[in-house]
Amino acid sequence: MTSQTIIRLPQVKQRTGLSRSTIYSLIKAGQFKAPISLGARAVGWLESDVSDFIESRVKASRKAG
């Protein structure tokens, strides 16, 4: 069984370089995975989902150039 790490918004922002509003806009557009509920007022993202997003952006930028 693989262990999965959940990261919170500050770490997501740091890893992607995106603002909170941009992250939520991408979620609404279906381009970024939605967060996982951790409790009544807490959410987080799977670190692997964030890494996949970053990798897809790198691949897309390399194709375009």
N, C-alpha and C. Protein backbone atom coordinates (compact mmCIF):
# COMPACT_ATOMS: atom_id res chain seq x y z
N MET A 1 0.85 -1.19 0.00
CA MET A 1 0.00 0.00 0.00
C MET A 1 0.89 1.25 0.00
N THR A 2 0.59 2.17 -0.88
CA THR A 2 1.37 3.40 -0.96
C THR A 2 0.81 4.44 0.00
N SER A 3 1.70 5.16 0.62
CA SER A 3 1.22 6.22 1.50
C SER A 3 1.00 7.48 0.68
N GLN A 4 -0.05 8.18 0.99
CA GLN A 4 -0.38 9.41 0.29
C GLN A 4 -0.33 10.56 1.28
N THR A 5 0.22 11.67 0.84
CA THR A 5 0.35 12.83 1.69
C THR A 5 -0.66 13.89 1.27
N ILE A 6 -1.33 14.45 2.26
CA ILE A 6 -2.27 15.54 2.01
C ILE A 6 -1.57 16.84 2.38
N ILE A 7 -1.62 17.80 1.46
CA ILE A 7 -1.02 19.10 1.74
C ILE A 7 -2.10 20.18 1.74
N ARG A 8 -1.86 21.20 2.52
CA ARG A 8 -2.84 22.27 2.68
C ARG A 8 -2.56 23.38 1.67
N LEU A 9 -3.47 24.34 1.59
CA LEU A 9 -3.41 25.40 0.60
C LEU A 9 -2.07 26.16 0.56
N PRO A 10 -1.49 26.55 1.69
CA PRO A 10 -0.21 27.27 1.59
C PRO A 10 0.87 26.47 0.84
N GLN A 11 0.91 25.16 1.06
CA GLN A 11 1.89 24.33 0.36
C GLN A 11 1.54 24.19 -1.12
N VAL A 12 0.24 24.10 -1.43
CA VAL A 12 -0.20 24.02 -2.83
C VAL A 12 0.20 25.31 -3.56
N LYS A 13 -0.04 26.45 -2.93
CA LYS A 13 0.33 27.73 -3.53
C LYS A 13 1.84 27.81 -3.75
N GLN A 14 2.60 27.36 -2.78
CA GLN A 14 4.05 27.40 -2.89
C GLN A 14 4.55 26.49 -4.01
N ARG A 15 4.01 25.28 -4.09
CA ARG A 15 4.46 24.32 -5.10
C ARG A 15 4.09 24.74 -6.51
N THR A 16 2.89 25.33 -6.67
CA THR A 16 2.43 25.68 -8.02
C THR A 16 2.79 27.10 -8.43
N GLY A 17 2.99 27.97 -7.47
CA GLY A 17 3.22 29.38 -7.77
C GLY A 17 1.94 30.12 -8.12
N LEU A 18 0.80 29.49 -7.86
CA LEU A 18 -0.50 30.08 -8.17
C LEU A 18 -1.13 30.70 -6.93
N SER A 19 -1.99 31.67 -7.14
CA SER A 19 -2.72 32.29 -6.03
C SER A 19 -3.92 31.42 -5.67
N ARG A 20 -4.49 31.71 -4.51
CA ARG A 20 -5.68 30.98 -4.06
C ARG A 20 -6.81 31.11 -5.07
N SER A 21 -7.06 32.33 -5.55
CA SER A 21 -8.17 32.54 -6.48
C SER A 21 -7.94 31.80 -7.80
N THR A 22 -6.70 31.76 -8.26
CA THR A 22 -6.41 31.03 -9.50
C THR A 22 -6.61 29.54 -9.31
N ILE A 23 -6.19 29.00 -8.19
CA ILE A 23 -6.39 27.58 -7.90
C ILE A 23 -7.87 27.23 -7.93
N TYR A 24 -8.69 28.03 -7.25
CA TYR A 24 -10.12 27.76 -7.22
C TYR A 24 -10.79 27.99 -8.57
N SER A 25 -10.28 28.92 -9.37
CA SER A 25 -10.80 29.11 -10.73
C SER A 25 -10.49 27.88 -11.59
N LEU A 26 -9.29 27.35 -11.44
CA LEU A 26 -8.91 26.14 -12.19
C LEU A 26 -9.75 24.93 -11.75
N ILE A 27 -10.06 24.86 -10.47
CA ILE A 27 -10.92 23.77 -9.98
C ILE A 27 -12.30 23.89 -10.63
N LYS A 28 -12.84 25.10 -10.65
CA LYS A 28 -14.16 25.32 -11.25
C LYS A 28 -14.17 24.97 -12.73
N ALA A 29 -13.04 25.22 -13.41
CA ALA A 29 -12.92 24.93 -14.84
C ALA A 29 -12.57 23.46 -15.10
N GLY A 30 -12.37 22.68 -14.04
CA GLY A 30 -12.04 21.27 -14.20
C GLY A 30 -10.59 21.01 -14.58
N GLN A 31 -9.72 21.98 -14.34
CA GLN A 31 -8.31 21.84 -14.71
C GLN A 31 -7.40 21.55 -13.52
N PHE A 32 -7.96 21.54 -12.33
CA PHE A 32 -7.20 21.26 -11.11
C PHE A 32 -8.10 20.41 -10.23
N LYS A 33 -7.54 19.39 -9.61
CA LYS A 33 -8.37 18.50 -8.77
C LYS A 33 -8.94 19.25 -7.58
N ALA A 34 -10.17 18.93 -7.24
CA ALA A 34 -10.84 19.53 -6.09
C ALA A 34 -10.18 19.04 -4.80
N PRO A 35 -10.25 19.85 -3.76
CA PRO A 35 -9.65 19.43 -2.48
C PRO A 35 -10.46 18.33 -1.81
N ILE A 36 -9.82 17.70 -0.86
CA ILE A 36 -10.43 16.65 -0.04
C ILE A 36 -10.84 17.29 1.28
N SER A 37 -12.04 17.00 1.73
CA SER A 37 -12.49 17.53 3.01
C SER A 37 -11.77 16.81 4.14
N LEU A 38 -11.20 17.59 5.05
CA LEU A 38 -10.50 17.02 6.21
C LEU A 38 -11.30 17.22 7.49
N GLY A 39 -12.32 18.00 7.41
CA GLY A 39 -13.13 18.30 8.58
C GLY A 39 -14.13 19.38 8.22
N ALA A 40 -14.76 19.93 9.23
CA ALA A 40 -15.81 20.93 8.99
C ALA A 40 -15.29 22.16 8.25
N ARG A 41 -14.07 22.60 8.55
CA ARG A 41 -13.56 23.82 7.92
C ARG A 41 -12.14 23.65 7.40
N ALA A 42 -11.78 22.43 7.05
CA ALA A 42 -10.41 22.19 6.58
C ALA A 42 -10.42 21.31 5.33
N VAL A 43 -9.62 21.70 4.35
CA VAL A 43 -9.46 20.90 3.13
C VAL A 43 -7.97 20.75 2.82
N GLY A 44 -7.67 19.78 2.00
CA GLY A 44 -6.30 19.57 1.56
C GLY A 44 -6.31 18.88 0.21
N TRP A 45 -5.15 18.81 -0.41
CA TRP A 45 -5.00 18.17 -1.72
C TRP A 45 -4.00 17.05 -1.60
N LEU A 46 -4.20 16.00 -2.38
CA LEU A 46 -3.20 14.95 -2.44
C LEU A 46 -1.95 15.52 -3.09
N GLU A 47 -0.82 15.29 -2.49
CA GLU A 47 0.44 15.79 -3.04
C GLU A 47 0.67 15.24 -4.44
N SER A 48 0.25 14.00 -4.66
CA SER A 48 0.42 13.39 -5.99
C SER A 48 -0.43 14.11 -7.05
N ASP A 49 -1.62 14.58 -6.69
CA ASP A 49 -2.46 15.33 -7.63
C ASP A 49 -1.81 16.66 -8.00
N VAL A 50 -1.21 17.32 -7.02
CA VAL A 50 -0.53 18.59 -7.27
C VAL A 50 0.69 18.35 -8.16
N SER A 51 1.44 17.29 -7.88
CA SER A 51 2.60 16.95 -8.71
C SER A 51 2.18 16.64 -10.14
N ASP A 52 1.07 15.93 -10.30
CA ASP A 52 0.56 15.62 -11.64
C ASP A 52 0.18 16.89 -12.39
N PHE A 53 -0.43 17.84 -11.69
CA PHE A 53 -0.80 19.12 -12.30
C PHE A 53 0.45 19.85 -12.79
N ILE A 54 1.46 19.91 -11.94
CA ILE A 54 2.70 20.59 -12.30
C ILE A 54 3.33 19.92 -13.51
N GLU A 55 3.39 18.60 -13.50
CA GLU A 55 3.97 17.86 -14.62
C GLU A 55 3.20 18.11 -15.91
N SER A 56 1.88 18.17 -15.84
CA SER A 56 1.08 18.42 -17.05
C SER A 56 1.35 19.82 -17.59
N ARG A 57 1.56 20.80 -16.70
CA ARG A 57 1.87 22.16 -17.14
C ARG A 57 3.24 22.22 -17.80
N VAL A 58 4.20 21.48 -17.26
CA VAL A 58 5.54 21.44 -17.85
C VAL A 58 5.46 20.83 -19.25
N LYS A 59 4.76 19.70 -19.38
CA LYS A 59 4.63 19.04 -20.68
C LYS A 59 3.95 19.95 -21.70
N ALA A 60 2.88 20.64 -21.27
CA ALA A 60 2.15 21.52 -22.18
C ALA A 60 3.01 22.69 -22.63
N SER A 61 3.81 23.22 -21.74
CA SER A 61 4.65 24.36 -22.12
C SER A 61 5.80 23.94 -23.03
N ARG A 62 6.27 22.73 -22.85
CA ARG A 62 7.35 22.23 -23.71
C ARG A 62 6.85 21.91 -25.11
N LYS A 63 5.59 21.44 -25.22
CA LYS A 63 4.99 21.17 -26.54
C LYS A 63 4.78 22.46 -27.31
N ALA A 64 4.31 23.50 -26.60
CA ALA A 64 3.95 24.77 -27.24
C ALA A 64 5.18 25.50 -27.76
N GLY A 65 6.35 25.27 -27.15
CA GLY A 65 7.55 26.02 -27.50
C GLY A 65 8.33 25.47 -28.60
